[in-house]
Amino acid sequence: MFAVYASEPNADDPLASLVVGERPDPEVPEGWVRVKVEAASLNMHDLWTLRGVGIKAEQFPMILGCDGAGTLDDGTPVVLHSLMGDPDWKGDETLDPQRKMLTEWAQGSFADYVVVPKRNALPRPEAMSAVSGAVMGTAWLTAYRMLFTKSGLRGGQTMLVQGASGGVSTALIALGRAAGMQVWVTGRSEEKRELALRLGAHQVFESNGKLPGKVQAVFETVGEATWKHSVRSLVPGGTIVCSGATSGNQPPAELAQMFFLQKNLVGSTMGTLDELRDLLDFVATTGITPEIGQELPMTEAAKGFRAMSDGETAGKIVFTR
């Protein structure tokens, strides 16, 4: 079958290991299902896989793609849940020590077909396109958990999103606006700030720029470059929800701010199966349309990988079959 895959780990030049070609048709173990892929979105995790991070060398070649949307053999439209783990684990599966992303455990979704545990293929809402469904399982689920499970925000309160154009950031803007939050966003360029406004942000600011007031929660995926600004933007007792650190993971701790003003730091990773179900219902009910920066045929996947590697993203990059 057709597939986009990593031939080997390459820490120094990851895109050199990207191959668009053919791989064997997948077998379907008991308890798993085959999904005919219609659309799949690109994530930073795919670049890390090309570098060999989170995956053993003997697992290559590895078909890339952590999430996606398609149809089961009986024609049922589905969205993939990207997180896999111990089927006997009880409770929040993001805390399962055996949890892994799809391409850390099994071949991914940048292909004609992907095979996943039956529970990882959720029915897709009737009005949701495959392209929209393809972004739900990683970036949008991460944003949903950050906002609705981890932040403690209530409707009408003010949230700050650090970074305007990434997949998680654009999802946070749309979800926060739909949930009745006051949404403030920082962006490095006028173009990125205009995108945030178009997606529903109430106010936008330059990176690390002065804000008109303090916020109840800050959503961090940037890390070192914005950390001091995030801590100092919070009201006493406010919360930073962090799910990434693209600019570095060793920021100054700002401990005096944290303990004297009782500010909170909460980590957040991906989301649960139940949260993905709730996300799909929320998006279907509110009519939110995810921001798609590029939609490319899977045969042109290299263009999307290059854009992500160069930081030229504005919303999600989606590959279609």
C-alpha atoms as a PDB file:
ATOM      1  CA  MET A   1       0.000   0.000   0.000  1.00  0.00           C
ATOM      2  CA  PHE A   2       0.978   3.660  -0.360  1.00  0.00           C
ATOM      3  CA  ALA A   3       2.654   5.152   2.720  1.00  0.00           C
ATOM      4  CA  VAL A   4       4.759   8.049   3.991  1.00  0.00           C
ATOM      5  CA  TYR A   5       7.370   6.624   6.323  1.00  0.00           C
ATOM      6  CA  ALA A   6      10.647   7.125   8.159  1.00  0.00           C
ATOM      7  CA  SER A   7      13.289   4.779   6.764  1.00  0.00           C
ATOM      8  CA  GLU A   8      15.641   5.178   9.738  1.00  0.00           C
ATOM      9  CA  PRO A   9      16.292   7.560  12.639  1.00  0.00           C
ATOM     10  CA  ASN A  10      18.259  10.655  11.616  1.00  0.00           C
ATOM     11  CA  ALA A  11      18.884  13.154  14.396  1.00  0.00           C
ATOM     12  CA  ASP A  12      20.970  15.539  12.279  1.00  0.00           C
ATOM     13  CA  ASP A  13      18.891  15.663   9.082  1.00  0.00           C
ATOM     14  CA  PRO A  14      15.458  14.187   9.851  1.00  0.00           C
ATOM     15  CA  LEU A  15      13.861  15.018   6.508  1.00  0.00           C
ATOM     16  CA  ALA A  16      16.525  12.929   4.749  1.00  0.00           C
ATOM     17  CA  SER A  17      14.845   9.839   6.217  1.00  0.00           C
ATOM     18  CA  LEU A  18      11.383  10.753   4.912  1.00  0.00           C
ATOM     19  CA  VAL A  19      10.199   8.365   2.169  1.00  0.00           C
ATOM     20  CA  VAL A  20       7.056   8.498   0.045  1.00  0.00           C
ATOM     21  CA  GLY A  21       6.538   5.033  -1.345  1.00  0.00           C
ATOM     22  CA  GLU A  22       5.105   1.583  -0.657  1.00  0.00           C
ATOM     23  CA  ARG A  23       4.853  -0.541   2.481  1.00  0.00           C
ATOM     24  CA  PRO A  24       3.276  -3.964   3.095  1.00  0.00           C
ATOM     25  CA  ASP A  25      -0.479  -4.111   3.664  1.00  0.00           C
ATOM     26  CA  PRO A  26      -1.226  -4.255   7.392  1.00  0.00           C
ATOM     27  CA  GLU A  27      -2.440  -7.310   9.248  1.00  0.00           C
ATOM     28  CA  VAL A  28      -5.393  -6.859  11.620  1.00  0.00           C
ATOM     29  CA  PRO A  29      -4.861  -8.496  15.035  1.00  0.00           C
ATOM     30  CA  GLU A  30      -7.814  -9.655  17.106  1.00  0.00           C
ATOM     31  CA  GLY A  31      -9.471  -6.700  18.821  1.00  0.00           C
ATOM     32  CA  TRP A  32      -8.098  -4.222  16.270  1.00  0.00           C
ATOM     33  CA  VAL A  33      -9.767  -2.621  13.235  1.00  0.00           C
ATOM     34  CA  ARG A  34      -8.601  -1.444   9.840  1.00  0.00           C
ATOM     35  CA  VAL A  35      -9.304   2.171   8.906  1.00  0.00           C
ATOM     36  CA  LYS A  36      -9.188   3.409   5.329  1.00  0.00           C
ATOM     37  CA  VAL A  37      -7.492   6.783   5.734  1.00  0.00           C
ATOM     38  CA  GLU A  38      -9.143   9.829   4.184  1.00  0.00           C
ATOM     39  CA  ALA A  39      -7.125  12.535   5.943  1.00  0.00           C
ATOM     40  CA  ALA A  40      -4.334  12.710   8.538  1.00  0.00           C
ATOM     41  CA  SER A  41      -2.672  15.697  10.158  1.00  0.00           C
ATOM     42  CA  LEU A  42       0.995  16.460  10.651  1.00  0.00           C
ATOM     43  CA  ASN A  43       2.341  16.949  14.174  1.00  0.00           C
ATOM     44  CA  MET A  44       5.710  17.854  15.656  1.00  0.00           C
ATOM     45  CA  HIS A  45       5.739  14.295  16.967  1.00  0.00           C
ATOM     46  CA  ASP A  46       6.273  13.129  13.375  1.00  0.00           C
ATOM     47  CA  LEU A  47       9.451  15.189  13.125  1.00  0.00           C
ATOM     48  CA  TRP A  48      10.643  13.765  16.448  1.00  0.00           C
ATOM     49  CA  THR A  49      10.013  10.258  15.101  1.00  0.00           C
ATOM     50  CA  LEU A  50      12.198  11.042  12.091  1.00  0.00           C
ATOM     51  CA  ARG A  51      14.897  12.089  14.575  1.00  0.00           C
ATOM     52  CA  GLY A  52      14.528   8.813  16.446  1.00  0.00           C
ATOM     53  CA  VAL A  53      13.057  10.286  19.622  1.00  0.00           C
ATOM     54  CA  GLY A  54      10.617   8.054  21.547  1.00  0.00           C
ATOM     55  CA  ILE A  55      11.144   5.079  19.244  1.00  0.00           C
ATOM     56  CA  LYS A  56      13.703   2.277  19.081  1.00  0.00           C
ATOM     57  CA  ALA A  57      15.938   1.880  16.034  1.00  0.00           C
ATOM     58  CA  GLU A  58      14.627  -1.650  15.403  1.00  0.00           C
ATOM     59  CA  GLN A  59      11.087  -0.277  14.909  1.00  0.00           C
ATOM     60  CA  PHE A  60      12.063   1.383  11.627  1.00  0.00           C
ATOM     61  CA  PRO A  61      10.836   1.637   8.903  1.00  0.00           C
ATOM     62  CA  MET A  62       7.913   3.377  10.618  1.00  0.00           C
ATOM     63  CA  ILE A  63       4.881   4.782   8.812  1.00  0.00           C
ATOM     64  CA  LEU A  64       4.358   8.287  10.194  1.00  0.00           C
ATOM     65  CA  GLY A  65       1.113   9.941  11.291  1.00  0.00           C
ATOM     66  CA  CYS A  66      -0.265  10.020  14.832  1.00  0.00           C
ATOM     67  CA  ASP A  67      -3.879  10.795  14.082  1.00  0.00           C
ATOM     68  CA  GLY A  68      -6.409  10.940  11.293  1.00  0.00           C
ATOM     69  CA  ALA A  69      -9.902  10.228  10.052  1.00  0.00           C
ATOM     70  CA  GLY A  70     -11.353   7.684   7.678  1.00  0.00           C
ATOM     71  CA  THR A  71     -13.792   4.799   7.441  1.00  0.00           C
ATOM     72  CA  LEU A  72     -14.006   1.293   8.837  1.00  0.00           C
ATOM     73  CA  ASP A  73     -14.463  -1.660   6.504  1.00  0.00           C
ATOM     74  CA  ASP A  74     -18.241  -1.377   7.011  1.00  0.00           C
ATOM     75  CA  GLY A  75     -18.181   2.282   5.933  1.00  0.00           C
ATOM     76  CA  THR A  76     -18.520   3.855   9.405  1.00  0.00           C
ATOM     77  CA  PRO A  77     -16.759   7.273   9.493  1.00  0.00           C
ATOM     78  CA  VAL A  78     -14.291   7.452  12.397  1.00  0.00           C
ATOM     79  CA  VAL A  79     -11.720   9.676  14.096  1.00  0.00           C
ATOM     80  CA  LEU A  80      -8.566   8.119  15.532  1.00  0.00           C
ATOM     81  CA  HIS A  81      -7.568   8.414  19.180  1.00  0.00           C
ATOM     82  CA  SER A  82      -3.774   8.683  19.063  1.00  0.00           C
ATOM     83  CA  LEU A  83      -2.975   7.415  22.560  1.00  0.00           C
ATOM     84  CA  MET A  84      -2.478   3.689  23.048  1.00  0.00           C
ATOM     85  CA  GLY A  85      -1.776   1.804  26.260  1.00  0.00           C
ATOM     86  CA  ASP A  86      -2.463  -1.138  28.524  1.00  0.00           C
ATOM     87  CA  PRO A  87      -6.046  -2.298  27.790  1.00  0.00           C
ATOM     88  CA  ASP A  88      -6.390  -3.294  31.467  1.00  0.00           C
ATOM     89  CA  TRP A  89      -5.414   0.163  32.773  1.00  0.00           C
ATOM     90  CA  LYS A  90      -8.141   1.779  34.862  1.00  0.00           C
ATOM     91  CA  GLY A  91      -8.639   5.523  35.110  1.00  0.00           C
ATOM     92  CA  ASP A  92      -6.960   8.367  33.215  1.00  0.00           C
ATOM     93  CA  GLU A  93      -5.052   6.698  30.388  1.00  0.00           C
ATOM     94  CA  THR A  94      -2.673   9.665  30.075  1.00  0.00           C
ATOM     95  CA  LEU A  95      -1.201   8.459  33.400  1.00  0.00           C
ATOM     96  CA  ASP A  96      -0.719   4.871  32.218  1.00  0.00           C
ATOM     97  CA  PRO A  97       3.052   4.174  32.397  1.00  0.00           C
ATOM     98  CA  GLN A  98       2.655   2.022  29.266  1.00  0.00           C
ATOM     99  CA  ARG A  99       0.978   4.757  27.215  1.00  0.00           C
ATOM    100  CA  LYS A 100       2.456   5.601  23.850  1.00  0.00           C
ATOM    101  CA  MET A 101       1.533   7.579  20.779  1.00  0.00           C
ATOM    102  CA  LEU A 102       0.388   5.610  17.742  1.00  0.00           C
ATOM    103  CA  THR A 103       3.753   5.607  15.928  1.00  0.00           C
ATOM    104  CA  GLU A 104       5.648   4.668  19.085  1.00  0.00           C
ATOM    105  CA  TRP A 105       3.753   1.371  19.200  1.00  0.00           C
ATOM    106  CA  ALA A 106       2.287   0.635  15.765  1.00  0.00           C
ATOM    107  CA  GLN A 107       2.495   1.835  12.169  1.00  0.00           C
ATOM    108  CA  GLY A 108       0.918   5.259  11.598  1.00  0.00           C
ATOM    109  CA  SER A 109      -1.807   6.903   9.562  1.00  0.00           C
ATOM    110  CA  PHE A 110       0.068   8.444   6.594  1.00  0.00           C
ATOM    111  CA  ALA A 111      -0.976   5.528   4.413  1.00  0.00           C
ATOM    112  CA  ASP A 112      -3.881   3.959   2.562  1.00  0.00           C
ATOM    113  CA  TYR A 113      -4.795   2.039   5.724  1.00  0.00           C
ATOM    114  CA  VAL A 114      -3.987   2.161   9.426  1.00  0.00           C
ATOM    115  CA  VAL A 115      -4.741  -0.540  11.997  1.00  0.00           C
ATOM    116  CA  VAL A 116      -5.617   0.467  15.573  1.00  0.00           C
ATOM    117  CA  PRO A 117      -7.275  -1.080  18.644  1.00  0.00           C
ATOM    118  CA  LYS A 118     -11.051  -1.039  18.196  1.00  0.00           C
ATOM    119  CA  ARG A 119     -11.499   1.449  21.045  1.00  0.00           C
ATOM    120  CA  ASN A 120      -9.174   3.922  19.278  1.00  0.00           C
ATOM    121  CA  ALA A 121     -11.581   4.433  16.350  1.00  0.00           C
ATOM    122  CA  LEU A 122     -14.381   6.749  17.502  1.00  0.00           C
ATOM    123  CA  PRO A 123     -17.498   7.476  15.428  1.00  0.00           C
ATOM    124  CA  ARG A 124     -17.134  10.774  13.594  1.00  0.00           C
ATOM    125  CA  PRO A 125     -19.985  13.285  13.950  1.00  0.00           C
ATOM    126  CA  GLU A 126     -22.160  13.351  10.863  1.00  0.00           C
ATOM    127  CA  ALA A 127     -21.413  16.969   9.942  1.00  0.00           C
ATOM    128  CA  MET A 128     -17.645  16.715  10.546  1.00  0.00           C
ATOM    129  CA  SER A 129     -15.452  16.359   7.469  1.00  0.00           C
ATOM    130  CA  ALA A 130     -12.523  13.974   7.377  1.00  0.00           C
ATOM    131  CA  VAL A 131     -10.127  16.933   7.206  1.00  0.00           C
ATOM    132  CA  SER A 132     -11.583  18.449  10.379  1.00  0.00           C
ATOM    133  CA  GLY A 133     -11.664  15.048  12.072  1.00  0.00           C
ATOM    134  CA  ALA A 134      -8.010  14.494  11.230  1.00  0.00           C
ATOM    135  CA  VAL A 135      -6.855  17.278  13.570  1.00  0.00           C
ATOM    136  CA  MET A 136      -8.933  16.229  16.587  1.00  0.00           C
ATOM    137  CA  GLY A 137      -6.862  13.376  18.010  1.00  0.00           C
ATOM    138  CA  THR A 138      -3.658  15.218  18.906  1.00  0.00           C
ATOM    139  CA  ALA A 139      -3.603  19.034  18.713  1.00  0.00           C
ATOM    140  CA  TRP A 140      -7.271  19.663  19.426  1.00  0.00           C
ATOM    141  CA  LEU A 141      -7.495  17.009  22.116  1.00  0.00           C
ATOM    142  CA  THR A 142      -4.417  18.487  23.795  1.00  0.00           C
ATOM    143  CA  ALA A 143      -6.038  21.931  23.735  1.00  0.00           C
ATOM    144  CA  TYR A 144      -9.375  20.596  25.014  1.00  0.00           C
ATOM    145  CA  ARG A 145      -7.765  18.913  28.027  1.00  0.00           C
ATOM    146  CA  MET A 146      -5.690  22.006  28.800  1.00  0.00           C
ATOM    147  CA  LEU A 147      -8.741  24.260  28.764  1.00  0.00           C
ATOM    148  CA  PHE A 148     -11.569  22.175  30.179  1.00  0.00           C
ATOM    149  CA  THR A 149      -9.804  19.666  32.439  1.00  0.00           C
ATOM    150  CA  LYS A 150      -6.672  21.419  33.683  1.00  0.00           C
ATOM    151  CA  SER A 151      -7.167  25.200  33.766  1.00  0.00           C
ATOM    152  CA  GLY A 152     -10.099  25.579  36.148  1.00  0.00           C
ATOM    153  CA  LEU A 153     -11.402  28.488  34.043  1.00  0.00           C
ATOM    154  CA  ARG A 154     -15.043  29.523  34.072  1.00  0.00           C
ATOM    155  CA  GLY A 155     -16.924  31.298  31.312  1.00  0.00           C
ATOM    156  CA  GLY A 156     -16.182  35.024  31.265  1.00  0.00           C
ATOM    157  CA  GLN A 157     -12.694  34.701  32.758  1.00  0.00           C
ATOM    158  CA  THR A 158      -9.601  35.756  30.825  1.00  0.00           C
ATOM    159  CA  MET A 159      -7.100  33.387  29.276  1.00  0.00           C
ATOM    160  CA  LEU A 160      -3.778  34.086  27.566  1.00  0.00           C
ATOM    161  CA  VAL A 161      -2.510  31.863  24.761  1.00  0.00           C
ATOM    162  CA  GLN A 162       1.235  32.166  24.173  1.00  0.00           C
ATOM    163  CA  GLY A 163       1.781  31.817  20.435  1.00  0.00           C
ATOM    164  CA  ALA A 164      -0.864  32.461  17.836  1.00  0.00           C
ATOM    165  CA  SER A 165      -0.458  30.073  14.944  1.00  0.00           C
ATOM    166  CA  GLY A 166       0.394  26.521  16.009  1.00  0.00           C
ATOM    167  CA  GLY A 167      -2.105  23.691  15.998  1.00  0.00           C
ATOM    168  CA  VAL A 168      -2.670  23.656  19.769  1.00  0.00           C
ATOM    169  CA  SER A 169      -2.774  27.461  19.949  1.00  0.00           C
ATOM    170  CA  THR A 170      -5.335  27.866  17.176  1.00  0.00           C
ATOM    171  CA  ALA A 171      -7.465  25.166  18.825  1.00  0.00           C
ATOM    172  CA  LEU A 172      -7.260  26.938  22.198  1.00  0.00           C
ATOM    173  CA  ILE A 173      -8.396  30.212  20.628  1.00  0.00           C
ATOM    174  CA  ALA A 174     -11.405  28.635  18.938  1.00  0.00           C
ATOM    175  CA  LEU A 175     -12.371  26.496  21.941  1.00  0.00           C
ATOM    176  CA  GLY A 176     -11.929  29.342  24.424  1.00  0.00           C
ATOM    177  CA  ARG A 177     -14.058  31.719  22.366  1.00  0.00           C
ATOM    178  CA  ALA A 178     -16.784  29.097  21.940  1.00  0.00           C
ATOM    179  CA  ALA A 179     -16.765  28.427  25.707  1.00  0.00           C
ATOM    180  CA  GLY A 180     -17.278  32.097  26.589  1.00  0.00           C
ATOM    181  CA  MET A 181     -13.775  33.015  27.754  1.00  0.00           C
ATOM    182  CA  GLN A 182     -12.054  36.339  27.183  1.00  0.00           C
ATOM    183  CA  VAL A 183      -9.274  35.202  24.858  1.00  0.00           C
ATOM    184  CA  TRP A 184      -5.973  37.099  24.688  1.00  0.00           C
ATOM    185  CA  VAL A 185      -3.182  35.892  22.413  1.00  0.00           C
ATOM    186  CA  THR A 186       0.463  36.780  21.785  1.00  0.00           C
ATOM    187  CA  GLY A 187       2.120  36.398  18.394  1.00  0.00           C
ATOM    188  CA  ARG A 188       5.553  37.121  16.914  1.00  0.00           C
ATOM    189  CA  SER A 189       4.265  38.776  13.754  1.00  0.00           C
ATOM    190  CA  GLU A 190       1.384  40.934  12.600  1.00  0.00           C
ATOM    191  CA  GLU A 191       0.275  38.114  10.312  1.00  0.00           C
ATOM    192  CA  LYS A 192       0.063  35.641  13.192  1.00  0.00           C
ATOM    193  CA  ARG A 193      -1.801  38.132  15.379  1.00  0.00           C
ATOM    194  CA  GLU A 194      -4.297  38.799  12.597  1.00  0.00           C
ATOM    195  CA  LEU A 195      -4.880  35.058  12.320  1.00  0.00           C
ATOM    196  CA  ALA A 196      -5.655  34.912  16.053  1.00  0.00           C
ATOM    197  CA  LEU A 197      -8.191  37.714  15.709  1.00  0.00           C
ATOM    198  CA  ARG A 198      -9.848  35.951  12.791  1.00  0.00           C
ATOM    199  CA  LEU A 199     -10.129  32.776  14.869  1.00  0.00           C
ATOM    200  CA  GLY A 200     -11.892  34.592  17.695  1.00  0.00           C
ATOM    201  CA  ALA A 201      -9.284  36.220  19.944  1.00  0.00           C
ATOM    202  CA  HIS A 202     -10.627  39.324  21.696  1.00  0.00           C
ATOM    203  CA  GLN A 203      -7.217  41.023  21.915  1.00  0.00           C
ATOM    204  CA  VAL A 204      -3.746  40.265  20.541  1.00  0.00           C
ATOM    205  CA  PHE A 205      -0.297  41.416  21.640  1.00  0.00           C
ATOM    206  CA  GLU A 206       3.306  41.163  20.565  1.00  0.00           C
ATOM    207  CA  SER A 207       5.301  38.350  22.147  1.00  0.00           C
ATOM    208  CA  ASN A 208       6.148  39.299  25.747  1.00  0.00           C
ATOM    209  CA  GLY A 209       4.228  42.550  25.257  1.00  0.00           C
ATOM    210  CA  LYS A 210       2.563  44.499  28.059  1.00  0.00           C
ATOM    211  CA  LEU A 211      -1.012  43.385  28.771  1.00  0.00           C
ATOM    212  CA  PRO A 212      -3.867  45.636  29.962  1.00  0.00           C
ATOM    213  CA  GLY A 213      -4.381  43.414  33.004  1.00  0.00           C
ATOM    214  CA  LYS A 214      -3.748  40.027  34.595  1.00  0.00           C
ATOM    215  CA  VAL A 215      -5.321  36.770  33.461  1.00  0.00           C
ATOM    216  CA  GLN A 216      -6.732  33.770  35.300  1.00  0.00           C
ATOM    217  CA  ALA A 217      -4.893  31.209  33.153  1.00  0.00           C
ATOM    218  CA  VAL A 218      -2.003  31.093  30.684  1.00  0.00           C
ATOM    219  CA  PHE A 219      -1.636  28.337  28.101  1.00  0.00           C
ATOM    220  CA  GLU A 220       2.001  27.521  27.371  1.00  0.00           C
ATOM    221  CA  THR A 221       3.515  25.552  24.523  1.00  0.00           C
ATOM    222  CA  VAL A 222       6.487  27.881  23.900  1.00  0.00           C
ATOM    223  CA  GLY A 223       8.606  27.512  27.050  1.00  0.00           C
ATOM    224  CA  GLU A 224      11.745  29.531  27.748  1.00  0.00           C
ATOM    225  CA  ALA A 225      11.030  32.414  25.365  1.00  0.00           C
ATOM    226  CA  THR A 226       7.724  33.348  27.029  1.00  0.00           C
ATOM    227  CA  TRP A 227       7.947  31.827  30.511  1.00  0.00           C
ATOM    228  CA  LYS A 228       8.694  34.954  32.549  1.00  0.00           C
ATOM    229  CA  HIS A 229       5.898  36.768  30.736  1.00  0.00           C
ATOM    230  CA  SER A 230       3.509  33.878  31.458  1.00  0.00           C
ATOM    231  CA  VAL A 231       4.247  33.828  35.192  1.00  0.00           C
ATOM    232  CA  ARG A 232       3.976  37.599  35.572  1.00  0.00           C
ATOM    233  CA  SER A 233       0.745  37.766  33.531  1.00  0.00           C
ATOM    234  CA  LEU A 234      -1.178  35.687  36.083  1.00  0.00           C
ATOM    235  CA  VAL A 235      -3.459  36.952  38.825  1.00  0.00           C
ATOM    236  CA  PRO A 236      -2.550  35.685  42.311  1.00  0.00           C
ATOM    237  CA  GLY A 237      -3.742  32.089  42.474  1.00  0.00           C
ATOM    238  CA  GLY A 238      -3.837  31.825  38.676  1.00  0.00           C
ATOM    239  CA  THR A 239      -2.708  28.821  36.668  1.00  0.00           C
ATOM    240  CA  ILE A 240      -0.231  28.138  33.879  1.00  0.00           C
ATOM    241  CA  VAL A 241      -1.163  25.044  31.866  1.00  0.00           C
ATOM    242  CA  CYS A 242       1.868  23.759  29.972  1.00  0.00           C
ATOM    243  CA  SER A 243       1.818  21.089  27.266  1.00  0.00           C
ATOM    244  CA  GLY A 244       5.063  21.879  25.444  1.00  0.00           C
ATOM    245  CA  ALA A 245       8.256  23.904  25.315  1.00  0.00           C
ATOM    246  CA  THR A 246       9.230  24.500  21.701  1.00  0.00           C
ATOM    247  CA  SER A 247      11.752  27.244  22.580  1.00  0.00           C
ATOM    248  CA  GLY A 248      13.444  25.298  25.383  1.00  0.00           C
ATOM    249  CA  ASN A 249      12.493  23.510  28.588  1.00  0.00           C
ATOM    250  CA  GLN A 250      14.784  25.218  31.137  1.00  0.00           C
ATOM    251  CA  PRO A 251      13.179  28.610  31.827  1.00  0.00           C
ATOM    252  CA  PRO A 252      13.867  30.638  34.992  1.00  0.00           C
ATOM    253  CA  ALA A 253      11.620  29.244  37.718  1.00  0.00           C
ATOM    254  CA  GLU A 254      10.330  32.618  39.000  1.00  0.00           C
ATOM    255  CA  LEU A 255       9.880  30.906  42.374  1.00  0.00           C
ATOM    256  CA  ALA A 256       9.173  34.081  44.345  1.00  0.00           C
ATOM    257  CA  GLN A 257       6.241  34.825  42.049  1.00  0.00           C
ATOM    258  CA  MET A 258       5.023  31.251  42.308  1.00  0.00           C
ATOM    259  CA  PHE A 259       5.031  30.816  46.084  1.00  0.00           C
ATOM    260  CA  PHE A 260       4.356  34.356  47.314  1.00  0.00           C
ATOM    261  CA  LEU A 261       1.387  34.867  44.966  1.00  0.00           C
ATOM    262  CA  GLN A 262       0.363  31.193  45.078  1.00  0.00           C
ATOM    263  CA  LYS A 263       0.456  30.727  41.336  1.00  0.00           C
ATOM    264  CA  ASN A 264      -0.002  27.242  39.939  1.00  0.00           C
ATOM    265  CA  LEU A 265       1.810  25.283  37.256  1.00  0.00           C
ATOM    266  CA  VAL A 266      -0.065  22.328  35.759  1.00  0.00           C
ATOM    267  CA  GLY A 267       1.315  19.922  33.199  1.00  0.00           C
ATOM    268  CA  SER A 268      -0.957  18.497  30.513  1.00  0.00           C
ATOM    269  CA  THR A 269      -0.373  15.775  27.934  1.00  0.00           C
ATOM    270  CA  MET A 270      -2.757  14.701  25.183  1.00  0.00           C
ATOM    271  CA  GLY A 271      -6.164  13.582  26.483  1.00  0.00           C
ATOM    272  CA  THR A 272      -8.354  10.634  27.333  1.00  0.00           C
ATOM    273  CA  LEU A 273     -10.777   8.698  25.188  1.00  0.00           C
ATOM    274  CA  ASP A 274     -13.696  10.280  27.057  1.00  0.00           C
ATOM    275  CA  GLU A 275     -12.245  13.752  26.511  1.00  0.00           C
ATOM    276  CA  LEU A 276     -11.978  13.061  22.790  1.00  0.00           C
ATOM    277  CA  ARG A 277     -15.639  11.990  22.724  1.00  0.00           C
ATOM    278  CA  ASP A 278     -16.571  15.206  24.532  1.00  0.00           C
ATOM    279  CA  LEU A 279     -14.401  17.258  22.169  1.00  0.00           C
ATOM    280  CA  LEU A 280     -16.100  15.780  19.099  1.00  0.00           C
ATOM    281  CA  ASP A 281     -19.513  16.554  20.586  1.00  0.00           C
ATOM    282  CA  PHE A 282     -18.442  20.089  21.541  1.00  0.00           C
ATOM    283  CA  VAL A 283     -17.109  20.871  18.074  1.00  0.00           C
ATOM    284  CA  ALA A 284     -20.198  19.415  16.417  1.00  0.00           C
ATOM    285  CA  THR A 285     -22.547  21.328  18.734  1.00  0.00           C
ATOM    286  CA  THR A 286     -20.798  24.702  18.458  1.00  0.00           C
ATOM    287  CA  GLY A 287     -20.041  24.433  14.748  1.00  0.00           C
ATOM    288  CA  ILE A 288     -16.348  25.277  15.191  1.00  0.00           C
ATOM    289  CA  THR A 289     -14.261  24.759  12.066  1.00  0.00           C
ATOM    290  CA  PRO A 290     -10.594  23.954  12.717  1.00  0.00           C
ATOM    291  CA  GLU A 291      -8.023  26.209  11.077  1.00  0.00           C
ATOM    292  CA  ILE A 292      -6.281  24.289   8.284  1.00  0.00           C
ATOM    293  CA  GLY A 293      -3.112  26.041   7.200  1.00  0.00           C
ATOM    294  CA  GLN A 294      -2.278  23.648   4.374  1.00  0.00           C
ATOM    295  CA  GLU A 295      -4.166  20.765   2.825  1.00  0.00           C
ATOM    296  CA  LEU A 296      -1.893  18.632   0.663  1.00  0.00           C
ATOM    297  CA  PRO A 297      -2.195  15.281  -1.052  1.00  0.00           C
ATOM    298  CA  MET A 298      -0.210  12.681   0.843  1.00  0.00           C
ATOM    299  CA  THR A 299       2.048  12.293  -2.178  1.00  0.00           C
ATOM    300  CA  GLU A 300       3.312  15.839  -1.437  1.00  0.00           C
ATOM    301  CA  ALA A 301       3.942  15.177   2.254  1.00  0.00           C
ATOM    302  CA  ALA A 302       7.525  16.431   2.019  1.00  0.00           C
ATOM    303  CA  LYS A 303       6.233  19.990   1.438  1.00  0.00           C
ATOM    304  CA  GLY A 304       4.255  19.844   4.667  1.00  0.00           C
ATOM    305  CA  PHE A 305       7.164  18.435   6.653  1.00  0.00           C
ATOM    306  CA  ARG A 306       9.422  21.168   5.329  1.00  0.00           C
ATOM    307  CA  ALA A 307       6.929  23.882   6.277  1.00  0.00           C
ATOM    308  CA  MET A 308       6.632  22.517   9.821  1.00  0.00           C
ATOM    309  CA  SER A 309      10.391  22.129  10.159  1.00  0.00           C
ATOM    310  CA  ASP A 310      10.863  25.749   9.057  1.00  0.00           C
ATOM    311  CA  GLY A 311       8.161  27.040  11.411  1.00  0.00           C
ATOM    312  CA  GLU A 312       5.942  28.181   8.520  1.00  0.00           C
ATOM    313  CA  THR A 313       2.637  27.006   9.960  1.00  0.00           C
ATOM    314  CA  ALA A 314      -0.668  28.809  10.492  1.00  0.00           C
ATOM    315  CA  GLY A 315      -3.074  26.198  11.755  1.00  0.00           C
ATOM    316  CA  LYS A 316      -2.820  22.512  11.022  1.00  0.00           C
ATOM    317  CA  ILE A 317      -1.198  20.826   8.037  1.00  0.00           C
ATOM    318  CA  VAL A 318      -3.388  17.999   6.750  1.00  0.00           C
ATOM    319  CA  PHE A 319      -2.597  15.304   4.205  1.00  0.00           C
ATOM    320  CA  THR A 320      -5.414  13.715   2.202  1.00  0.00           C
ATOM    321  CA  ARG A 321      -5.823  10.543   0.165  1.00  0.00           C
END
